[in-house]
Amino acid sequence: MIAALEYDPGMANHPNRSKKAAGQAANPTPEQIRAARSAAGLTQEQARELIYASLRAWEQWEAGDARMHPGLWELFLIKTGAKA
């Protein structure tokens, strides 16, 4: 008989499941991504070129279908001179 899968508290150590440490960057929301791009006066194509991402990835981040990595978000903010 196969046992039912249960939540494994040991998975709390997984980096994608643990709570963020103080000062650790978080994924930006789709609204933050759209607002920062608009404030920089960039199209999605221009914005994605700045951080070497695909257009599809950028579209997914703005649609909320995927999460942008905090490192890419920081790179975008640095390159556009925006504030977090």
C-alpha atoms as a PDB file:
ATOM      1  CA  MET A   1       0.000   0.000   0.000  1.00  0.00           C
ATOM      2  CA  ILE A   2       1.285   3.476  -0.845  1.00  0.00           C
ATOM      3  CA  ALA A   3       1.254   5.955   2.016  1.00  0.00           C
ATOM      4  CA  ALA A   4      -0.308   9.340   1.405  1.00  0.00           C
ATOM      5  CA  LEU A   5       2.161  12.156   0.862  1.00  0.00           C
ATOM      6  CA  GLU A   6       2.434  14.397   3.859  1.00  0.00           C
ATOM      7  CA  TYR A   7       4.121  17.737   4.380  1.00  0.00           C
ATOM      8  CA  ASP A   8       7.727  17.160   5.334  1.00  0.00           C
ATOM      9  CA  PRO A   9       8.819  19.809   7.850  1.00  0.00           C
ATOM     10  CA  GLY A  10      12.377  19.094   6.757  1.00  0.00           C
ATOM     11  CA  MET A  11      11.565  20.875   3.506  1.00  0.00           C
ATOM     12  CA  ALA A  12      11.424  24.139   5.434  1.00  0.00           C
ATOM     13  CA  ASN A  13      15.182  24.243   4.887  1.00  0.00           C
ATOM     14  CA  HIS A  14      14.662  24.382   1.128  1.00  0.00           C
ATOM     15  CA  PRO A  15      15.600  27.914  -0.081  1.00  0.00           C
ATOM     16  CA  ASN A  16      12.309  28.380  -1.927  1.00  0.00           C
ATOM     17  CA  ARG A  17      10.197  27.387   1.074  1.00  0.00           C
ATOM     18  CA  SER A  18      11.920  28.982   4.019  1.00  0.00           C
ATOM     19  CA  LYS A  19      11.091  32.372   5.452  1.00  0.00           C
ATOM     20  CA  LYS A  20      13.180  35.238   4.183  1.00  0.00           C
ATOM     21  CA  ALA A  21      15.955  36.410   6.454  1.00  0.00           C
ATOM     22  CA  ALA A  22      15.977  40.043   7.495  1.00  0.00           C
ATOM     23  CA  GLY A  23      17.472  42.150   4.733  1.00  0.00           C
ATOM     24  CA  GLN A  24      17.127  39.399   2.126  1.00  0.00           C
ATOM     25  CA  ALA A  25      15.706  40.593  -1.177  1.00  0.00           C
ATOM     26  CA  ALA A  26      12.223  39.498  -2.157  1.00  0.00           C
ATOM     27  CA  ASN A  27      10.690  38.822  -5.541  1.00  0.00           C
ATOM     28  CA  PRO A  28       9.093  41.971  -6.990  1.00  0.00           C
ATOM     29  CA  THR A  29       5.378  41.984  -7.678  1.00  0.00           C
ATOM     30  CA  PRO A  30       4.080  42.278 -11.253  1.00  0.00           C
ATOM     31  CA  GLU A  31       2.838  45.769 -10.361  1.00  0.00           C
ATOM     32  CA  GLN A  32       6.314  46.825  -9.216  1.00  0.00           C
ATOM     33  CA  ILE A  33       7.869  45.482 -12.402  1.00  0.00           C
ATOM     34  CA  ARG A  34       5.386  47.273 -14.671  1.00  0.00           C
ATOM     35  CA  ALA A  35       5.657  50.524 -12.700  1.00  0.00           C
ATOM     36  CA  ALA A  36       9.466  50.527 -12.767  1.00  0.00           C
ATOM     37  CA  ARG A  37       9.553  49.815 -16.498  1.00  0.00           C
ATOM     38  CA  SER A  38       7.021  52.545 -17.226  1.00  0.00           C
ATOM     39  CA  ALA A  39       8.845  55.033 -15.000  1.00  0.00           C
ATOM     40  CA  ALA A  40      12.042  54.297 -16.935  1.00  0.00           C
ATOM     41  CA  GLY A  41      10.174  54.918 -20.206  1.00  0.00           C
ATOM     42  CA  LEU A  42      11.054  51.494 -21.585  1.00  0.00           C
ATOM     43  CA  THR A  43       9.173  48.980 -23.671  1.00  0.00           C
ATOM     44  CA  GLN A  44       9.171  45.360 -22.559  1.00  0.00           C
ATOM     45  CA  GLU A  45      11.713  44.625 -25.300  1.00  0.00           C
ATOM     46  CA  GLN A  46      14.056  47.380 -24.115  1.00  0.00           C
ATOM     47  CA  ALA A  47      13.682  46.371 -20.475  1.00  0.00           C
ATOM     48  CA  ARG A  48      14.438  42.726 -21.125  1.00  0.00           C
ATOM     49  CA  GLU A  49      17.554  43.660 -23.111  1.00  0.00           C
ATOM     50  CA  LEU A  50      18.931  45.530 -20.091  1.00  0.00           C
ATOM     51  CA  ILE A  51      19.002  42.380 -17.976  1.00  0.00           C
ATOM     52  CA  TYR A  52      19.629  39.834 -20.757  1.00  0.00           C
ATOM     53  CA  ALA A  53      16.265  38.092 -20.339  1.00  0.00           C
ATOM     54  CA  SER A  54      13.902  36.784 -22.987  1.00  0.00           C
ATOM     55  CA  LEU A  55      10.855  38.777 -23.978  1.00  0.00           C
ATOM     56  CA  ARG A  56       8.652  35.860 -22.930  1.00  0.00           C
ATOM     57  CA  ALA A  57      10.181  35.879 -19.451  1.00  0.00           C
ATOM     58  CA  TRP A  58       9.540  39.606 -19.100  1.00  0.00           C
ATOM     59  CA  GLU A  59       5.942  39.158 -20.237  1.00  0.00           C
ATOM     60  CA  GLN A  60       5.450  36.372 -17.690  1.00  0.00           C
ATOM     61  CA  TRP A  61       6.881  38.513 -14.879  1.00  0.00           C
ATOM     62  CA  GLU A  62       4.547  41.407 -15.673  1.00  0.00           C
ATOM     63  CA  ALA A  63       1.550  39.073 -16.040  1.00  0.00           C
ATOM     64  CA  GLY A  64       2.287  37.373 -12.730  1.00  0.00           C
ATOM     65  CA  ASP A  65       2.753  33.987 -14.412  1.00  0.00           C
ATOM     66  CA  ALA A  66       6.340  33.713 -13.149  1.00  0.00           C
ATOM     67  CA  ARG A  67       8.396  35.386 -10.435  1.00  0.00           C
ATOM     68  CA  MET A  68      11.371  37.562 -11.288  1.00  0.00           C
ATOM     69  CA  HIS A  69      14.531  36.609  -9.407  1.00  0.00           C
ATOM     70  CA  PRO A  70      15.526  39.284  -6.869  1.00  0.00           C
ATOM     71  CA  GLY A  71      18.977  39.511  -8.468  1.00  0.00           C
ATOM     72  CA  LEU A  72      17.503  40.389 -11.862  1.00  0.00           C
ATOM     73  CA  TRP A  73      15.198  42.914 -10.203  1.00  0.00           C
ATOM     74  CA  GLU A  74      18.175  44.540  -8.477  1.00  0.00           C
ATOM     75  CA  LEU A  75      20.109  44.606 -11.765  1.00  0.00           C
ATOM     76  CA  PHE A  76      17.164  46.275 -13.517  1.00  0.00           C
ATOM     77  CA  LEU A  77      16.884  48.896 -10.777  1.00  0.00           C
ATOM     78  CA  ILE A  78      20.610  49.607 -10.888  1.00  0.00           C
ATOM     79  CA  LYS A  79      20.695  49.921 -14.673  1.00  0.00           C
ATOM     80  CA  THR A  80      17.668  52.228 -14.774  1.00  0.00           C
ATOM     81  CA  GLY A  81      18.718  54.268 -11.726  1.00  0.00           C
ATOM     82  CA  ALA A  82      15.395  53.486 -10.035  1.00  0.00           C
ATOM     83  CA  LYS A  83      14.787  53.171  -6.310  1.00  0.00           C
ATOM     84  CA  ALA A  84      13.419  49.940  -4.830  1.00  0.00           C
END
